[in-house]
C-alpha atoms as a PDB file:
ATOM      1  CA  MET A   1    -165.760  22.523 -34.423  1.00  0.00           C
ATOM      2  CA  ASN A   2    -162.500  22.023 -33.424  1.00  0.00           C
ATOM      3  CA  PHE A   3    -159.602  23.556 -32.719  1.00  0.00           C
ATOM      4  CA  ALA A   4    -155.638  23.022 -31.951  1.00  0.00           C
ATOM      5  CA  LEU A   5    -154.252  23.888 -28.593  1.00  0.00           C
ATOM      6  CA  ASN A   6    -152.328  26.133 -30.050  1.00  0.00           C
ATOM      7  CA  GLU A   7    -155.713  28.649 -31.276  1.00  0.00           C
ATOM      8  CA  VAL A   8    -157.381  27.958 -27.707  1.00  0.00           C
ATOM      9  CA  GLN A   9    -154.464  29.721 -26.152  1.00  0.00           C
ATOM     10  CA  ALA A  10    -153.815  32.693 -28.433  1.00  0.00           C
ATOM     11  CA  MET A  11    -157.972  32.903 -28.184  1.00  0.00           C
ATOM     12  CA  VAL A  12    -157.739  33.054 -24.479  1.00  0.00           C
ATOM     13  CA  THR A  13    -154.509  34.645 -24.484  1.00  0.00           C
ATOM     14  CA  LYS A  14    -156.308  37.835 -26.149  1.00  0.00           C
ATOM     15  CA  ALA A  15    -159.612  37.856 -24.808  1.00  0.00           C
ATOM     16  CA  ALA A  16    -157.154  38.144 -21.228  1.00  0.00           C
ATOM     17  CA  ARG A  17    -155.811  41.070 -22.777  1.00  0.00           C
ATOM     18  CA  GLY A  18    -159.349  42.812 -23.654  1.00  0.00           C
ATOM     19  CA  THR A  19    -160.141  41.987 -20.192  1.00  0.00           C
ATOM     20  CA  GLY A  20    -156.940  44.618 -19.303  1.00  0.00           C
ATOM     21  CA  LEU A  21    -154.552  42.301 -18.287  1.00  0.00           C
ATOM     22  CA  ASP A  22    -151.484  42.678 -18.815  1.00  0.00           C
ATOM     23  CA  TRP A  23    -149.451  40.847 -20.758  1.00  0.00           C
ATOM     24  CA  ASN A  24    -148.149  38.144 -18.516  1.00  0.00           C
ATOM     25  CA  PHE A  25    -151.231  36.984 -16.999  1.00  0.00           C
ATOM     26  CA  ALA A  26    -152.679  37.098 -20.190  1.00  0.00           C
ATOM     27  CA  ALA A  27    -150.106  34.576 -21.191  1.00  0.00           C
ATOM     28  CA  ASP A  28    -150.057  32.582 -18.471  1.00  0.00           C
ATOM     29  CA  ALA A  29    -154.068  31.817 -18.775  1.00  0.00           C
ATOM     30  CA  GLY A  30    -153.523  30.984 -22.531  1.00  0.00           C
ATOM     31  CA  ARG A  31    -150.897  28.246 -21.022  1.00  0.00           C
ATOM     32  CA  ALA A  32    -152.448  26.994 -18.494  1.00  0.00           C
ATOM     33  CA  SER A  33    -155.681  27.075 -20.808  1.00  0.00           C
ATOM     34  CA  ARG A  34    -153.678  25.018 -23.147  1.00  0.00           C
ATOM     35  CA  TRP A  35    -152.677  22.681 -20.341  1.00  0.00           C
ATOM     36  CA  LEU A  36    -155.906  21.197 -18.675  1.00  0.00           C
ATOM     37  CA  GLU A  37    -157.115  20.969 -23.184  1.00  0.00           C
ATOM     38  CA  ARG A  38    -154.396  18.216 -23.367  1.00  0.00           C
ATOM     39  CA  GLN A  39    -155.792  17.024 -20.384  1.00  0.00           C
ATOM     40  CA  GLY A  40    -159.198  16.052 -21.183  1.00  0.00           C
ATOM     41  CA  LEU A  41    -160.825  18.878 -19.359  1.00  0.00           C
ATOM     42  CA  ASP A  42    -162.712  21.978 -19.943  1.00  0.00           C
ATOM     43  CA  GLY A  43    -159.745  24.854 -20.438  1.00  0.00           C
ATOM     44  CA  CYS A  44    -161.684  26.981 -22.456  1.00  0.00           C
ATOM     45  CA  GLY A  45    -164.678  26.811 -20.602  1.00  0.00           C
ATOM     46  CA  SER A  46    -162.471  27.168 -17.362  1.00  0.00           C
ATOM     47  CA  ALA A  47    -160.695  30.685 -18.778  1.00  0.00           C
ATOM     48  CA  TYR A  48    -164.585  32.277 -19.841  1.00  0.00           C
ATOM     49  CA  ALA A  49    -165.438  31.139 -15.984  1.00  0.00           C
ATOM     50  CA  ALA A  50    -162.251  33.013 -15.175  1.00  0.00           C
ATOM     51  CA  LEU A  51    -162.658  35.855 -16.963  1.00  0.00           C
ATOM     52  CA  GLY A  52    -165.700  36.556 -15.946  1.00  0.00           C
ATOM     53  CA  ASP A  53    -165.631  40.169 -14.704  1.00  0.00           C
ATOM     54  CA  VAL A  54    -167.686  39.627 -11.183  1.00  0.00           C
ATOM     55  CA  PRO A  55    -168.010  42.743 -10.022  1.00  0.00           C
ATOM     56  CA  GLY A  56    -166.529  42.898  -5.806  1.00  0.00           C
ATOM     57  CA  THR A  57    -164.174  38.804  -6.135  1.00  0.00           C
ATOM     58  CA  VAL A  58    -160.840  38.441  -6.733  1.00  0.00           C
ATOM     59  CA  SER A  59    -159.318  37.405 -10.668  1.00  0.00           C
ATOM     60  CA  PRO A  60    -157.972  33.879  -9.738  1.00  0.00           C
ATOM     61  CA  ILE A  61    -154.911  34.200 -13.319  1.00  0.00           C
ATOM     62  CA  LEU A  62    -154.969  36.548 -10.175  1.00  0.00           C
ATOM     63  CA  THR A  63    -154.400  34.859  -6.911  1.00  0.00           C
ATOM     64  CA  GLY A  64    -152.609  31.872  -9.056  1.00  0.00           C
ATOM     65  CA  ALA A  65    -149.624  34.164 -10.189  1.00  0.00           C
ATOM     66  CA  TRP A  66    -149.318  35.781  -7.017  1.00  0.00           C
ATOM     67  CA  CYS A  67    -149.586  32.512  -4.646  1.00  0.00           C
ATOM     68  CA  VAL A  68    -146.932  31.217  -6.784  1.00  0.00           C
END
């Protein structure tokens, strides 16, 4: 099944909100996954890995926002 880039962005944004991220961080995660997909990389898989709740680890999404 093929998804449009805007569908990927919307689904990742919703998934990020579902994990408890703030709207701004969720939107950043959606845009990042869209950008990765546009470059031919696995944006959905990366978002899945980044949104996974692993106890004792720091979220890559929050770490990236902190670095910027």
